């Protein structure tokens, strides 16, 4: 996955891998990536939006594993922590999904 950098990850946490236009991402890694929203009336994402999020994540290190590529940010105002989705349980992060986003 180009967002969590795991070749093998728990599909219950990250979802299945999808490959589209040479981009390989887990469903949930893509869904929960900060700044990436599905298109109206579909569960798909614009390829260029996904590429942009991957480029931005490459600049951020994970609060848990300290490796670059963290695409999920904390929802707390003022908190600048970022993490990879599969690292969240190890860092005692709580991931919650509400509604459309």
C-alpha atoms as a PDB file:
ATOM      1  CA  UNK A   1       0.000   0.000   0.000  1.00  0.00           C
ATOM      2  CA  UNK A   2       1.377   3.393  -0.989  1.00  0.00           C
ATOM      3  CA  UNK A   3      -0.157   4.979   2.122  1.00  0.00           C
ATOM      4  CA  UNK A   4       0.728   2.589   4.972  1.00  0.00           C
ATOM      5  CA  UNK A   5       3.743   0.987   3.235  1.00  0.00           C
ATOM      6  CA  UNK A   6       2.695  -2.518   4.260  1.00  0.00           C
ATOM      7  CA  UNK A   7       2.705  -5.390   1.799  1.00  0.00           C
ATOM      8  CA  UNK A   8       0.772  -7.524   4.266  1.00  0.00           C
ATOM      9  CA  UNK A   9      -1.658  -5.878   6.650  1.00  0.00           C
ATOM     10  CA  UNK A  10      -4.694  -7.028   8.588  1.00  0.00           C
ATOM     11  CA  UNK A  11      -7.605  -6.647   6.182  1.00  0.00           C
ATOM     12  CA  UNK A  12      -9.915  -6.023   9.157  1.00  0.00           C
ATOM     13  CA  UNK A  13      -7.903  -2.873   9.899  1.00  0.00           C
ATOM     14  CA  UNK A  14      -6.734  -1.746   6.438  1.00  0.00           C
ATOM     15  CA  UNK A  15      -9.261  -3.348   4.122  1.00  0.00           C
ATOM     16  CA  UNK A  16      -8.501  -5.033   0.828  1.00  0.00           C
ATOM     17  CA  UNK A  17      -5.827  -3.693  -1.501  1.00  0.00           C
ATOM     18  CA  UNK A  18      -6.940  -1.962  -4.679  1.00  0.00           C
ATOM     19  CA  UNK A  19      -4.773  -1.261  -7.700  1.00  0.00           C
ATOM     20  CA  UNK A  20      -5.795   1.460 -10.121  1.00  0.00           C
ATOM     21  CA  UNK A  21      -3.616   3.445 -12.518  1.00  0.00           C
ATOM     22  CA  UNK A  22      -0.450   2.010 -10.916  1.00  0.00           C
ATOM     23  CA  UNK A  23      -1.604   3.106  -7.452  1.00  0.00           C
ATOM     24  CA  UNK A  24      -1.884   0.374  -4.835  1.00  0.00           C
ATOM     25  CA  UNK A  25      -3.763   1.312  -1.657  1.00  0.00           C
ATOM     26  CA  UNK A  26      -5.816  -0.415   1.019  1.00  0.00           C
ATOM     27  CA  UNK A  27      -9.484   0.596   1.021  1.00  0.00           C
ATOM     28  CA  UNK A  28      -9.482   1.931   4.603  1.00  0.00           C
ATOM     29  CA  UNK A  29      -6.064   3.590   4.322  1.00  0.00           C
ATOM     30  CA  UNK A  30      -7.443   5.554   1.377  1.00  0.00           C
ATOM     31  CA  UNK A  31     -10.812   6.232   2.984  1.00  0.00           C
ATOM     32  CA  UNK A  32      -9.296   7.593   6.205  1.00  0.00           C
ATOM     33  CA  UNK A  33      -6.429   9.550   4.654  1.00  0.00           C
ATOM     34  CA  UNK A  34      -6.708  13.183   5.662  1.00  0.00           C
ATOM     35  CA  UNK A  35      -7.767  15.453   2.829  1.00  0.00           C
ATOM     36  CA  UNK A  36      -9.076  12.672   0.622  1.00  0.00           C
ATOM     37  CA  UNK A  37     -12.822  12.450   0.074  1.00  0.00           C
ATOM     38  CA  UNK A  38     -14.858  10.097  -2.129  1.00  0.00           C
ATOM     39  CA  UNK A  39     -16.566  11.515  -5.167  1.00  0.00           C
ATOM     40  CA  UNK A  40     -20.272  12.232  -4.930  1.00  0.00           C
ATOM     41  CA  UNK A  41     -22.527   9.218  -5.452  1.00  0.00           C
ATOM     42  CA  UNK A  42     -19.609   6.773  -5.604  1.00  0.00           C
ATOM     43  CA  UNK A  43     -17.106   5.031  -3.340  1.00  0.00           C
ATOM     44  CA  UNK A  44     -14.257   5.931  -5.711  1.00  0.00           C
ATOM     45  CA  UNK A  45     -11.561   8.597  -5.436  1.00  0.00           C
ATOM     46  CA  UNK A  46      -9.961  10.783  -8.065  1.00  0.00           C
ATOM     47  CA  UNK A  47      -6.562   9.375  -9.011  1.00  0.00           C
ATOM     48  CA  UNK A  48      -4.883  12.794  -8.872  1.00  0.00           C
ATOM     49  CA  UNK A  49      -6.310  13.409  -5.384  1.00  0.00           C
ATOM     50  CA  UNK A  50      -4.857  10.090  -4.219  1.00  0.00           C
ATOM     51  CA  UNK A  51      -1.466  10.943  -5.730  1.00  0.00           C
ATOM     52  CA  UNK A  52      -1.543  14.327  -3.957  1.00  0.00           C
ATOM     53  CA  UNK A  53      -2.266  12.689  -0.585  1.00  0.00           C
ATOM     54  CA  UNK A  54       0.583  10.195  -1.144  1.00  0.00           C
ATOM     55  CA  UNK A  55       2.984  13.082  -1.899  1.00  0.00           C
ATOM     56  CA  UNK A  56       1.842  15.002   1.193  1.00  0.00           C
ATOM     57  CA  UNK A  57       2.063  11.905   3.418  1.00  0.00           C
ATOM     58  CA  UNK A  58       5.650  11.340   2.261  1.00  0.00           C
ATOM     59  CA  UNK A  59       6.560  14.530   4.170  1.00  0.00           C
ATOM     60  CA  UNK A  60       5.031  13.395   7.490  1.00  0.00           C
ATOM     61  CA  UNK A  61       6.387  10.881   9.974  1.00  0.00           C
ATOM     62  CA  UNK A  62       4.219   8.464  11.901  1.00  0.00           C
ATOM     63  CA  UNK A  63       3.805   9.230  15.607  1.00  0.00           C
ATOM     64  CA  UNK A  64       3.997   5.492  16.349  1.00  0.00           C
ATOM     65  CA  UNK A  65       6.711   3.998  14.085  1.00  0.00           C
ATOM     66  CA  UNK A  66       8.484   7.279  13.184  1.00  0.00           C
ATOM     67  CA  UNK A  67       8.666   6.296   9.493  1.00  0.00           C
ATOM     68  CA  UNK A  68       7.614   8.707   6.768  1.00  0.00           C
ATOM     69  CA  UNK A  69       4.360   8.345   4.879  1.00  0.00           C
ATOM     70  CA  UNK A  70       1.753   8.955   7.582  1.00  0.00           C
ATOM     71  CA  UNK A  71      -1.519   9.970   5.943  1.00  0.00           C
ATOM     72  CA  UNK A  72      -3.951  10.137   8.892  1.00  0.00           C
ATOM     73  CA  UNK A  73      -3.983  13.113  11.239  1.00  0.00           C
ATOM     74  CA  UNK A  74      -5.380  13.399  14.730  1.00  0.00           C
ATOM     75  CA  UNK A  75      -8.855  14.933  14.907  1.00  0.00           C
ATOM     76  CA  UNK A  76      -8.019  16.978  18.032  1.00  0.00           C
ATOM     77  CA  UNK A  77      -7.695  20.686  17.291  1.00  0.00           C
ATOM     78  CA  UNK A  78      -4.079  21.742  17.685  1.00  0.00           C
ATOM     79  CA  UNK A  79      -2.668  18.202  17.596  1.00  0.00           C
ATOM     80  CA  UNK A  80      -0.170  17.691  14.788  1.00  0.00           C
ATOM     81  CA  UNK A  81       0.299  13.931  15.236  1.00  0.00           C
ATOM     82  CA  UNK A  82       0.021  11.777  12.130  1.00  0.00           C
ATOM     83  CA  UNK A  83       0.084   8.012  11.763  1.00  0.00           C
ATOM     84  CA  UNK A  84      -0.275   5.038   9.427  1.00  0.00           C
ATOM     85  CA  UNK A  85      -3.562   3.203   9.839  1.00  0.00           C
ATOM     86  CA  UNK A  86      -1.975  -0.153  10.826  1.00  0.00           C
ATOM     87  CA  UNK A  87       0.183   1.639  13.438  1.00  0.00           C
ATOM     88  CA  UNK A  88      -2.846   3.121  15.220  1.00  0.00           C
ATOM     89  CA  UNK A  89      -3.526   0.177  17.593  1.00  0.00           C
ATOM     90  CA  UNK A  90       0.151   0.019  18.623  1.00  0.00           C
ATOM     91  CA  UNK A  91       0.091   3.724  19.490  1.00  0.00           C
ATOM     92  CA  UNK A  92      -3.193   3.420  21.410  1.00  0.00           C
ATOM     93  CA  UNK A  93      -4.860   5.657  18.822  1.00  0.00           C
ATOM     94  CA  UNK A  94      -8.616   5.369  18.522  1.00  0.00           C
ATOM     95  CA  UNK A  95      -9.865   5.270  14.953  1.00  0.00           C
ATOM     96  CA  UNK A  96     -13.516   5.975  14.375  1.00  0.00           C
ATOM     97  CA  UNK A  97     -15.476   6.353  11.185  1.00  0.00           C
ATOM     98  CA  UNK A  98     -18.618   8.496  11.215  1.00  0.00           C
ATOM     99  CA  UNK A  99     -20.968   8.937   8.293  1.00  0.00           C
ATOM    100  CA  UNK A 100     -19.799  10.090   4.900  1.00  0.00           C
ATOM    101  CA  UNK A 101     -16.292  11.111   6.043  1.00  0.00           C
END
